[in-house]
Amino acid sequence: MSILTVKNLSHGFGDRAIFNNVSFRLLKGEHIGLIGANGEGKSTFMNIITHKLEPDEGNIEWSKRVRVGYLDQHTALEKGTSIKSVLDSAFKYLFDMETEMNDMYMRMGEVSPEELDVMMEDVGTIQDILNHNDFYITDSKVNEVARGLGLLDVGLDKPVDSLSGGQRTKVLLAKLLLEKPDILLLDEPTNYLDEEHIEWLKKYLNDYENAFILISHDIPFLNSVVNLIYHMDNKELNRYVGDYDNFMRVYEAKKKQVESAYKQQQQEISDLEDFVNRNKARVATRNMAMSRQKKLDKMDRIELAREKPKPEFNFKLARTSGKLIFQTNDLVIGYNEPLCRPLNLKLERGQKIAITGANGLGKTTLLRSVLGEIQSIEGSVDTGEFLHIGYFEQEIKEANYNTCIEEVWKEFPSYTQYEIRAALAKCGLTTQHIESKIVVLSGGEQAKVRLCKLLNNETNFLVLDEPTNHLDVDAKEELKRALIAYKGTILLISHEPEFYRDIVTDVWNLEQWTTKIV
């Protein structure tokens, strides 16, 4: 049974087309991975099917009474509300149904036999819905999901406005899972999740009996939970049965077939055109030449897909730093309360360190304390000489209305416009992206603009806070290669062992030093 039908969808921003006559059908129980390079329109597609955005053309049809759950990381959480209150609100529609059912029970003594039959049927339907959605064991369901995503360790009484970005995402995800919608729409749910909670989410989604559409650039995660791939590319949406690895095999084989057919057709076109040019002027062969020309005119010509610009990341190296990068002396990080025991850490030139650990333990706080951006609670940080630091922040919250060119030019005023365009193109951005305002770009495209600024500054110490969030597969692989090749020092926060394992010389797990329960 079809839950969602999308017909002849076309959409764009200004003169930049995103979809052209795209159709899509979602069936009950399908577990779909929605993939594609940054800027191909995955999040735009989600916004269109949830009616947050009106398409230029096309129809979006949901079947009746379908409950849709969409993980939107920009959802506002009411200040002062506890985690428990937010999670309990997932069952509001069930409590409303119970109230409706109880009202019907109260009125049953006052209605006619015919109305009573209708009410009894309605009550039975509501009772089935309540039973099916675990209404009578809501507390245990809340605890089960909160435990799986690490929220019990945070404390369910904690107000949501005191949470870190990762913890906030977990609360939104937990609420969504507890709602148990007919279709889950998940836009990069593993961003800001810890490794153990990603594992829990894998198991949950594998057991999920309803349908979901998942946007993710985390290939191991995709492979473990989806059974269908929809690939968004060149304004098209194509369906592939199986996981991501199977999609890649079929996609590459199909691409080679098209390239082979294209070469054969180009050779045939060349031969026909040569024959026509040599024979159209001669009376004896004019008819044959006209026949060949008609064949050329009627030919359905194969066109190769436009090649996407692949990112090319090469960090500029500053002069060599001193041997000591930084050393902490009984450093206690935190804001209103300590997040760790006194830390005595030392980082030396050439080391590449990954910082890991659960959300909310202070990984970003540690980086910002070392960089001197925030005051520590106790202790001090000694930094070495000749440091040229490049800092990639986890998230930029303010809307940026500069174009990509303006944003990079502001940082490098001595560059020519050609040099600015070339630098952005090397990061995998097209001309249309480069001329667009940053606010309308996807998360991955915005990250590439920020990387562009980092790449073009000379550095010898890179401080990177989850740089792979939102980056597509090609960009992630190229960033990994560039960081392995980088001759300077690296301090990196990441939840992806597949990404950092080959880069780093050591791992600092903040869970070993935290004052919190994990």
Protein backbone atom coordinates (compact mmCIF):
# COMPACT_ATOMS: atom_id res chain seq x y z
CA MET A 1 0.00 0.00 0.00
CA SER A 2 1.33 3.43 -0.99
CA ILE A 3 1.82 5.84 1.93
CA LEU A 4 3.22 8.70 -0.13
CA THR A 5 3.00 9.43 -3.87
CA VAL A 6 5.01 12.22 -5.49
CA LYS A 7 4.16 12.97 -9.13
CA ASN A 8 6.07 15.12 -11.64
CA LEU A 9 7.87 17.22 -9.03
CA SER A 10 9.94 20.16 -10.29
CA HIS A 11 11.58 22.76 -8.08
CA GLY A 12 14.42 25.25 -8.05
CA PHE A 13 15.86 28.33 -6.37
CA GLY A 14 16.17 31.29 -8.74
CA ASP A 15 17.80 30.01 -11.93
CA ARG A 16 19.13 26.91 -10.16
CA ALA A 17 16.98 23.83 -10.84
CA ILE A 18 16.96 21.18 -8.09
CA PHE A 19 14.39 18.65 -9.42
CA ASN A 20 13.03 18.12 -12.89
CA ASN A 21 9.86 16.03 -13.24
CA VAL A 22 10.69 13.70 -10.33
CA SER A 23 8.24 10.96 -9.24
CA PHE A 24 8.42 8.82 -6.11
CA ARG A 25 6.30 6.23 -4.31
CA LEU A 26 6.74 5.07 -0.71
CA LEU A 27 5.20 1.77 0.37
CA LYS A 28 4.37 0.61 3.87
CA GLY A 29 7.38 -0.79 5.73
CA GLU A 30 10.05 0.38 3.24
CA HIS A 31 13.37 1.42 4.76
CA ILE A 32 14.82 3.96 2.32
CA GLY A 33 18.23 5.62 2.16
CA LEU A 34 18.03 8.99 0.34
CA ILE A 35 21.52 9.75 -0.97
CA GLY A 36 23.31 12.22 -3.21
CA ALA A 37 26.08 14.80 -3.19
CA ASN A 38 25.80 18.01 -1.16
CA GLY A 39 23.40 20.43 -2.83
CA GLU A 40 21.45 17.84 -4.84
CA GLY A 41 18.28 18.65 -2.87
CA LYS A 42 17.83 15.91 -0.25
CA SER A 43 16.75 18.23 2.57
CA THR A 44 14.71 20.30 0.09
CA PHE A 45 12.87 17.10 -0.90
CA MET A 46 12.09 16.41 2.78
CA ASN A 47 10.77 19.97 3.21
CA ILE A 48 8.56 19.62 0.13
CA ILE A 49 6.98 16.30 1.12
CA THR A 50 6.27 17.65 4.63
CA HIS A 51 4.66 20.78 3.06
CA LYS A 52 7.21 23.14 4.63
CA LEU A 53 8.07 24.19 1.09
CA GLU A 54 5.75 24.50 -1.91
CA PRO A 55 7.14 22.93 -5.13
CA ASP A 56 7.15 24.86 -8.41
CA GLU A 57 5.23 21.98 -10.03
CA GLY A 58 3.93 18.54 -9.12
CA ASN A 59 1.65 16.79 -6.63
CA ILE A 60 2.35 15.41 -3.15
CA GLU A 61 -0.27 12.91 -1.94
CA TRP A 62 -0.25 11.26 1.49
CA SER A 63 -2.69 8.46 2.23
CA LYS A 64 -5.32 9.32 4.86
CA ARG A 65 -4.55 9.27 8.57
CA VAL A 66 -0.79 8.80 8.07
CA ARG A 67 1.26 10.16 10.96
CA VAL A 68 4.57 11.62 9.79
CA GLY A 69 7.55 12.15 12.12
CA TYR A 70 10.32 14.48 10.89
CA LEU A 71 13.62 14.95 12.71
CA ASP A 72 14.22 18.66 12.28
CA GLN A 73 17.27 19.76 14.27
CA HIS A 74 16.05 23.38 14.21
CA THR A 75 12.91 22.59 16.23
CA ALA A 76 12.60 24.92 19.23
CA LEU A 77 12.37 23.35 22.68
CA GLU A 78 10.53 25.41 25.28
CA LYS A 79 12.81 26.92 27.91
CA GLY A 80 12.53 25.45 31.38
CA THR A 81 10.90 22.25 30.11
CA SER A 82 12.49 19.04 31.39
CA ILE A 83 13.69 16.22 29.13
CA LYS A 84 10.99 13.99 30.67
CA SER A 85 8.22 16.48 29.79
CA VAL A 86 9.40 16.65 26.18
CA LEU A 87 9.50 12.85 25.90
CA ASP A 88 6.08 12.46 27.55
CA SER A 89 4.64 14.90 25.00
CA ALA A 90 5.27 12.23 22.35
CA PHE A 91 2.14 10.48 23.66
CA LYS A 92 -0.11 13.58 23.68
CA TYR A 93 -2.19 12.32 20.75
CA LEU A 94 -2.80 9.06 22.67
CA PHE A 95 -3.88 10.90 25.83
CA ASP A 96 -6.22 12.99 23.65
CA MET A 97 -7.67 9.74 22.24
CA GLU A 98 -8.13 8.33 25.75
CA THR A 99 -10.03 11.50 26.74
CA GLU A 100 -12.21 11.17 23.63
CA MET A 101 -12.89 7.50 24.46
CA ASN A 102 -13.79 8.28 28.09
CA ASP A 103 -16.16 11.05 26.93
CA MET A 104 -17.92 8.51 24.70
CA TYR A 105 -18.28 6.07 27.61
CA MET A 106 -19.87 8.87 29.69
CA ARG A 107 -22.42 9.63 26.92
CA MET A 108 -23.36 6.05 26.07
CA GLY A 109 -26.34 5.99 28.45
CA GLU A 110 -27.90 8.99 26.70
CA VAL A 111 -27.85 7.95 23.02
CA SER A 112 -30.05 5.90 20.71
CA PRO A 113 -29.22 2.22 19.92
CA GLU A 114 -27.97 3.23 16.43
CA GLU A 115 -25.66 5.92 17.87
CA LEU A 116 -24.49 3.44 20.52
CA ASP A 117 -23.39 0.98 17.80
CA VAL A 118 -21.33 3.70 16.12
CA MET A 119 -19.80 4.74 19.45
CA MET A 120 -18.92 1.15 20.37
CA GLU A 121 -17.12 0.77 17.04
CA ASP A 122 -15.23 4.04 17.58
CA VAL A 123 -14.28 3.04 21.12
CA GLY A 124 -12.99 -0.31 19.84
CA THR A 125 -10.88 1.43 17.18
CA ILE A 126 -9.39 3.84 19.73
CA GLN A 127 -8.69 0.99 22.15
CA ASP A 128 -6.83 -0.92 19.42
CA ILE A 129 -4.74 2.20 18.63
CA LEU A 130 -3.91 2.69 22.33
CA ASN A 131 -2.85 -0.95 22.71
CA HIS A 132 -0.84 -0.97 19.48
CA ASN A 133 1.05 2.19 20.50
CA ASP A 134 2.03 0.95 24.01
CA PHE A 135 -0.16 3.55 25.73
CA TYR A 136 -0.37 1.63 29.00
CA ILE A 137 3.41 1.26 29.35
CA THR A 138 4.51 4.77 28.33
CA ASP A 139 6.90 5.22 31.29
CA SER A 140 8.82 2.06 30.46
CA LYS A 141 8.97 3.05 26.75
CA VAL A 142 10.33 6.50 27.70
CA ASN A 143 12.99 4.87 29.88
CA GLU A 144 13.89 2.33 27.18
CA VAL A 145 14.48 4.95 24.45
CA ALA A 146 16.12 7.43 26.87
CA ARG A 147 18.53 4.69 27.99
CA GLY A 148 19.32 3.71 24.40
CA LEU A 149 20.23 7.29 23.45
CA GLY A 150 22.09 8.05 26.69
CA LEU A 151 19.53 10.50 28.11
CA LEU A 152 19.10 8.64 31.41
CA ASP A 153 22.76 9.48 32.13
CA VAL A 154 22.04 13.16 31.49
CA GLY A 155 19.05 13.05 33.86
CA LEU A 156 15.43 13.25 32.72
CA ASP A 157 14.71 16.13 35.12
CA LYS A 158 17.33 18.35 33.42
CA PRO A 159 15.91 21.43 31.64
CA VAL A 160 16.34 21.27 27.87
CA ASP A 161 17.80 24.79 27.59
CA SER A 162 20.92 23.64 29.51
CA LEU A 163 21.73 20.85 27.01
CA SER A 164 24.57 20.68 24.50
CA GLY A 165 23.77 20.53 20.76
CA GLY A 166 24.26 16.77 20.70
CA GLN A 167 22.05 16.18 23.75
CA ARG A 168 19.33 18.39 22.25
CA THR A 169 19.39 16.32 19.05
CA LYS A 170 19.03 13.17 21.15
CA VAL A 171 15.95 14.59 22.91
CA LEU A 172 14.32 15.45 19.56
CA LEU A 173 15.17 12.01 18.16
CA ALA A 174 13.93 10.20 21.29
CA LYS A 175 10.60 12.08 21.17
CA LEU A 176 10.22 11.22 17.50
CA LEU A 177 10.91 7.51 18.05
CA LEU A 178 8.45 7.39 20.95
CA GLU A 179 5.75 8.87 18.72
CA LYS A 180 6.15 5.73 16.55
CA PRO A 181 4.86 7.45 13.38
CA ASP A 182 3.75 5.59 10.25
CA ILE A 183 6.74 7.12 8.50
CA LEU A 184 9.96 8.47 9.99
CA LEU A 185 11.84 11.17 8.07
CA LEU A 186 15.41 11.34 9.40
CA ASP A 187 17.83 13.96 8.09
CA GLU A 188 21.36 12.93 9.17
CA PRO A 189 20.32 11.57 12.58
CA THR A 190 23.84 10.32 13.42
CA ASN A 191 25.28 13.86 13.46
CA TYR A 192 26.04 14.60 17.13
CA LEU A 193 25.30 11.01 18.24
CA ASP A 194 27.98 9.01 20.07
CA GLU A 195 29.23 5.67 18.75
CA GLU A 196 27.32 3.50 21.25
CA HIS A 197 24.07 5.39 20.63
CA ILE A 198 24.52 5.07 16.86
CA GLU A 199 24.70 1.30 17.47
CA TRP A 200 21.46 1.43 19.47
CA LEU A 201 19.76 3.45 16.72
CA LYS A 202 20.89 0.86 14.14
CA LYS A 203 19.15 -1.90 16.07
CA TYR A 204 16.04 0.23 16.61
CA LEU A 205 15.68 1.06 12.91
CA ASN A 206 16.30 -2.55 11.88
CA ASP A 207 13.40 -3.60 14.12
CA TYR A 208 11.18 -0.66 13.09
CA GLU A 209 8.03 -2.09 11.53
CA ASN A 210 6.93 1.16 9.87
CA ALA A 211 8.52 3.00 6.92
CA PHE A 212 11.34 5.50 7.09
CA ILE A 213 13.34 7.75 4.75
CA LEU A 214 16.88 8.34 5.95
CA ILE A 215 19.37 10.95 4.71
CA SER A 216 22.89 10.01 5.77
CA HIS A 217 26.47 10.20 4.53
CA ASP A 218 27.51 7.56 7.11
CA ILE A 219 27.90 4.57 4.78
CA PRO A 220 28.32 1.79 7.43
CA PHE A 221 25.18 3.11 9.15
CA LEU A 222 23.22 3.24 5.87
CA ASN A 223 24.30 -0.27 4.91
CA SER A 224 23.07 -1.67 8.19
CA VAL A 225 19.52 -0.23 8.18
CA VAL A 226 18.15 0.34 4.64
CA ASN A 227 16.75 -2.02 2.01
CA LEU A 228 16.19 0.55 -0.75
CA ILE A 229 18.29 3.41 -2.07
CA TYR A 230 16.94 6.49 -3.83
CA HIS A 231 19.78 8.36 -5.52
CA MET A 232 19.36 12.09 -6.13
CA ASP A 233 21.60 13.22 -8.98
CA ASN A 234 21.38 15.72 -11.87
CA LYS A 235 17.80 16.72 -10.98
CA GLU A 236 16.67 13.06 -11.11
CA LEU A 237 15.64 10.53 -8.47
CA ASN A 238 16.43 6.86 -9.23
CA ARG A 239 15.49 3.75 -7.24
CA TYR A 240 17.87 0.87 -6.41
CA VAL A 241 16.98 -2.28 -4.47
CA GLY A 242 19.37 -3.20 -1.65
CA ASP A 243 21.89 -1.33 0.49
CA TYR A 244 24.44 1.36 -0.43
CA ASP A 245 27.15 -1.10 -1.48
CA ASN A 246 24.75 -2.80 -3.88
CA PHE A 247 23.69 0.61 -5.23
CA MET A 248 27.33 1.48 -5.97
CA ARG A 249 27.87 -1.79 -7.87
CA VAL A 250 24.74 -1.30 -10.00
CA TYR A 251 25.34 2.43 -10.48
CA GLU A 252 28.94 1.96 -11.64
CA ALA A 253 27.93 -0.88 -14.00
CA LYS A 254 25.12 1.26 -15.45
CA LYS A 255 27.47 4.22 -15.83
CA LYS A 256 29.98 2.06 -17.78
CA GLN A 257 27.20 0.74 -20.03
CA VAL A 258 26.06 4.29 -20.86
CA GLU A 259 29.65 5.40 -21.51
CA SER A 260 30.22 2.40 -23.81
CA ALA A 261 26.95 3.05 -25.69
CA TYR A 262 27.87 6.75 -25.96
CA LYS A 263 31.27 5.92 -27.50
CA GLN A 264 29.67 3.53 -30.02
CA GLN A 265 27.04 6.11 -30.96
CA GLN A 266 29.64 8.88 -31.32
CA GLN A 267 31.60 6.64 -33.69
CA GLU A 268 28.44 5.89 -35.69
CA ILE A 269 27.59 9.65 -35.83
CA SER A 270 31.10 10.43 -37.01
CA ASP A 271 30.92 7.77 -39.77
CA LEU A 272 27.48 8.94 -40.95
CA GLU A 273 28.49 12.62 -40.97
CA ASP A 274 31.66 11.76 -42.90
CA PHE A 275 29.66 9.80 -45.49
CA VAL A 276 27.12 12.65 -45.89
CA ASN A 277 29.84 15.30 -46.30
CA ARG A 278 31.68 13.23 -48.92
CA ASN A 279 28.65 12.15 -50.95
CA LYS A 280 25.94 14.85 -50.77
CA ALA A 281 27.35 16.79 -53.72
CA ARG A 282 27.64 13.84 -56.12
CA VAL A 283 24.55 13.00 -58.17
CA ALA A 284 25.20 9.24 -58.06
CA THR A 285 25.40 9.09 -54.24
CA ARG A 286 23.12 12.02 -53.24
CA ASN A 287 20.14 9.77 -52.32
CA MET A 288 22.31 7.58 -50.07
CA ALA A 289 23.69 10.71 -48.41
CA MET A 290 20.15 12.04 -47.80
CA SER A 291 19.16 8.67 -46.30
CA ARG A 292 22.13 8.83 -43.90
CA GLN A 293 21.23 12.43 -43.01
CA LYS A 294 17.65 11.38 -42.14
CA LYS A 295 19.06 8.65 -39.88
CA LEU A 296 21.22 11.28 -38.15
CA ASP A 297 18.26 13.63 -37.71
CA LYS A 298 16.06 10.94 -36.15
CA MET A 299 18.77 9.52 -33.88
CA ASP A 300 17.99 9.64 -30.14
CA ARG A 301 21.35 10.90 -28.95
CA ILE A 302 22.86 9.66 -25.71
CA GLU A 303 24.08 12.37 -23.34
CA LEU A 304 26.57 11.69 -20.57
CA ALA A 305 25.68 13.04 -17.13
CA ARG A 306 27.49 16.22 -16.20
CA GLU A 307 30.50 15.34 -14.05
CA LYS A 308 30.30 16.80 -10.57
CA PRO A 309 33.32 18.84 -9.46
CA LYS A 310 35.23 16.65 -7.01
CA PRO A 311 36.68 18.45 -3.99
CA GLU A 312 40.43 18.83 -3.75
CA PHE A 313 41.64 19.73 -0.26
CA ASN A 314 45.27 20.76 0.34
CA PHE A 315 46.06 22.58 3.56
CA LYS A 316 48.65 25.37 3.37
CA LEU A 317 51.40 24.82 5.91
CA ALA A 318 52.78 27.71 7.97
CA ARG A 319 56.32 27.81 9.36
CA THR A 320 57.16 25.02 11.80
CA SER A 321 55.82 25.51 15.32
CA GLY A 322 57.76 24.96 18.50
CA LYS A 323 57.91 21.41 19.89
CA LEU A 324 55.22 22.14 22.51
CA ILE A 325 51.77 22.90 21.10
CA PHE A 326 50.02 23.23 24.45
CA GLN A 327 50.10 21.87 27.99
CA THR A 328 47.28 22.02 30.53
CA ASN A 329 48.03 22.43 34.22
CA ASP A 330 45.26 21.02 36.46
CA LEU A 331 42.75 22.40 33.95
CA VAL A 332 39.10 22.10 34.98
CA ILE A 333 36.70 22.95 32.15
CA GLY A 334 33.04 23.90 32.40
CA TYR A 335 30.68 26.83 32.68
CA ASN A 336 28.67 26.91 35.91
CA GLU A 337 29.95 23.56 37.13
CA PRO A 338 33.06 21.42 36.47
CA LEU A 339 32.83 18.95 33.57
CA CYS A 340 36.03 17.05 34.36
CA ARG A 341 38.69 16.25 36.92
CA PRO A 342 41.85 18.40 36.75
CA LEU A 343 43.48 17.70 33.37
CA ASN A 344 47.22 17.57 32.73
CA LEU A 345 47.40 17.07 28.98
CA LYS A 346 50.30 17.66 26.64
CA LEU A 347 50.25 17.98 22.86
CA GLU A 348 53.48 18.10 20.88
CA ARG A 349 54.30 19.04 17.30
CA GLY A 350 53.25 16.41 14.74
CA GLN A 351 50.77 14.60 16.98
CA LYS A 352 47.26 14.03 15.61
CA ILE A 353 44.72 13.44 18.37
CA ALA A 354 41.04 12.44 18.21
CA ILE A 355 38.88 13.54 21.15
CA THR A 356 36.00 11.12 21.74
CA GLY A 357 33.29 10.55 24.35
CA ALA A 358 29.59 10.99 24.91
CA ASN A 359 27.79 14.24 24.15
CA GLY A 360 27.68 16.78 26.96
CA LEU A 361 31.02 15.78 28.53
CA GLY A 362 32.72 18.93 27.27
CA LYS A 363 34.62 18.02 24.10
CA THR A 364 33.89 21.37 22.44
CA THR A 365 34.38 23.12 25.80
CA LEU A 366 37.87 21.57 26.04
CA LEU A 367 38.79 22.85 22.56
CA ARG A 368 37.52 26.36 23.30
CA SER A 369 39.28 26.40 26.69
CA VAL A 370 42.59 25.39 25.08
CA LEU A 371 42.14 28.10 22.42
CA GLY A 372 41.41 30.68 25.12
CA GLU A 373 37.91 31.41 23.78
CA ILE A 374 36.27 30.66 27.14
CA GLN A 375 37.46 30.90 30.72
CA SER A 376 38.23 27.63 32.50
CA ILE A 377 36.99 27.02 36.05
CA GLU A 378 40.47 26.21 37.39
CA GLY A 379 44.00 25.67 36.15
CA SER A 380 45.82 27.06 33.15
CA VAL A 381 46.93 26.33 29.58
CA ASP A 382 50.47 26.98 28.36
CA THR A 383 50.70 27.31 24.59
CA GLY A 384 53.84 26.88 22.48
CA GLU A 385 55.58 29.28 20.14
CA PHE A 386 54.89 30.12 16.49
CA LEU A 387 51.41 28.59 16.46
CA HIS A 388 49.29 29.28 13.39
CA ILE A 389 45.90 27.86 14.35
CA GLY A 390 43.08 26.87 12.01
CA TYR A 391 39.78 26.31 13.87
CA PHE A 392 36.75 24.61 12.30
CA GLU A 393 33.73 25.17 14.55
CA GLN A 394 31.04 22.48 14.83
CA GLU A 395 28.14 24.73 13.86
CA ILE A 396 27.56 28.33 12.85
CA LYS A 397 24.13 29.31 14.17
CA GLU A 398 23.70 32.78 12.62
CA ALA A 399 22.16 33.04 9.15
CA ASN A 400 24.77 34.31 6.68
CA TYR A 401 23.46 36.49 3.84
CA ASN A 402 26.83 36.92 2.11
CA THR A 403 27.41 35.15 -1.18
CA CYS A 404 30.17 32.51 -1.11
CA ILE A 405 32.43 34.91 -3.05
CA GLU A 406 31.80 37.75 -0.57
CA GLU A 407 32.40 35.47 2.42
CA VAL A 408 35.81 34.25 1.22
CA TRP A 409 36.82 37.65 -0.21
CA LYS A 410 36.21 39.19 3.23
CA GLU A 411 38.88 36.83 4.60
CA PHE A 412 41.30 37.21 1.67
CA PRO A 413 40.87 40.79 0.33
CA SER A 414 44.09 40.60 -1.72
CA TYR A 415 42.75 37.72 -3.86
CA THR A 416 41.32 38.42 -7.30
CA GLN A 417 37.77 37.26 -8.04
CA TYR A 418 39.25 34.55 -10.26
CA GLU A 419 41.36 33.26 -7.34
CA ILE A 420 38.31 33.28 -5.01
CA ARG A 421 36.23 31.35 -7.56
CA ALA A 422 39.06 28.87 -8.14
CA ALA A 423 39.49 28.27 -4.38
CA LEU A 424 35.74 27.60 -3.93
CA ALA A 425 35.62 25.36 -7.02
CA LYS A 426 38.47 23.27 -5.56
CA CYS A 427 36.20 22.60 -2.58
CA GLY A 428 33.64 20.99 -4.90
CA LEU A 429 31.28 23.96 -5.34
CA THR A 430 29.72 24.73 -8.73
CA THR A 431 29.39 28.21 -10.27
CA GLN A 432 25.75 28.35 -9.14
CA HIS A 433 26.74 27.52 -5.55
CA ILE A 434 29.60 30.03 -5.61
CA GLU A 435 27.28 32.87 -6.66
CA SER A 436 24.50 31.91 -4.18
CA LYS A 437 23.98 33.36 -0.71
CA ILE A 438 25.32 31.07 2.02
CA VAL A 439 21.95 31.04 3.81
CA VAL A 440 20.29 29.09 0.92
CA LEU A 441 23.03 26.44 0.67
CA SER A 442 22.80 22.96 2.18
CA GLY A 443 24.70 22.14 5.38
CA GLY A 444 27.37 20.33 3.37
CA GLU A 445 27.87 23.23 0.95
CA GLN A 446 28.15 25.67 3.86
CA ALA A 447 30.77 23.41 5.46
CA LYS A 448 32.75 23.47 2.19
CA VAL A 449 32.79 27.30 2.23
CA ARG A 450 34.14 27.23 5.79
CA LEU A 451 36.72 24.62 4.78
CA CYS A 452 37.73 26.83 1.85
CA LYS A 453 38.70 29.61 4.28
CA LEU A 454 40.60 27.15 6.48
CA LEU A 455 42.47 25.63 3.51
CA ASN A 456 43.66 29.00 2.23
CA ASN A 457 45.08 30.18 5.54
CA GLU A 458 48.57 28.99 6.45
CA THR A 459 48.37 26.80 9.55
CA ASN A 460 50.50 24.42 11.58
CA PHE A 461 47.84 23.43 14.14
CA LEU A 462 44.34 22.37 13.03
CA VAL A 463 41.53 22.28 15.62
CA LEU A 464 38.52 20.55 14.06
CA ASP A 465 35.17 20.11 15.80
CA GLU A 466 33.20 17.39 13.96
CA PRO A 467 34.22 18.57 10.48
CA THR A 468 32.48 15.68 8.68
CA ASN A 469 28.95 16.60 9.80
CA HIS A 470 26.93 17.23 6.59
CA LEU A 471 29.82 16.43 4.20
CA ASP A 472 29.02 14.04 1.36
CA VAL A 473 31.00 10.84 0.74
CA ASP A 474 33.48 12.34 -1.77
CA ALA A 475 34.23 15.37 0.42
CA LYS A 476 34.65 13.19 3.51
CA GLU A 477 37.11 10.88 1.73
CA GLU A 478 39.09 13.84 0.36
CA LEU A 479 39.22 15.52 3.79
CA LYS A 480 40.51 12.28 5.30
CA ARG A 481 43.25 12.08 2.65
CA ALA A 482 44.23 15.72 3.22
CA LEU A 483 44.44 15.30 7.02
CA ILE A 484 46.60 12.18 6.66
CA ALA A 485 48.93 14.17 4.36
CA TYR A 486 48.97 17.27 6.65
CA LYS A 487 52.43 17.80 8.20
CA GLY A 488 51.21 19.90 11.10
CA THR A 489 49.44 19.01 14.37
CA ILE A 490 45.74 18.07 14.62
CA LEU A 491 43.21 18.07 17.45
CA LEU A 492 39.98 16.54 16.14
CA ILE A 493 36.55 15.81 17.62
CA SER A 494 34.76 13.01 15.77
CA HIS A 495 32.20 10.28 16.41
CA GLU A 496 33.24 8.35 13.29
CA PRO A 497 36.03 5.80 13.87
CA GLU A 498 35.98 4.99 10.12
CA PHE A 499 37.00 8.59 9.50
CA TYR A 500 39.59 9.28 12.22
CA ARG A 501 41.17 5.84 12.67
CA ASP A 502 43.73 6.25 9.85
CA ILE A 503 44.46 9.90 10.65
CA VAL A 504 45.30 10.06 14.35
CA THR A 505 48.30 8.98 16.38
CA ASP A 506 46.30 8.77 19.63
CA VAL A 507 42.77 9.04 21.07
CA TRP A 508 41.78 11.07 24.12
CA ASN A 509 38.53 9.68 25.53
CA LEU A 510 36.90 12.36 27.69
CA GLU A 511 34.88 9.69 29.49
CA GLN A 512 38.07 8.78 31.39
CA TRP A 513 38.30 12.26 32.93
CA THR A 514 34.69 13.37 33.31
CA THR A 515 33.02 14.07 36.63
CA LYS A 516 29.71 12.92 35.10
CA ILE A 517 28.22 9.43 35.07
CA VAL A 518 28.52 7.80 31.63
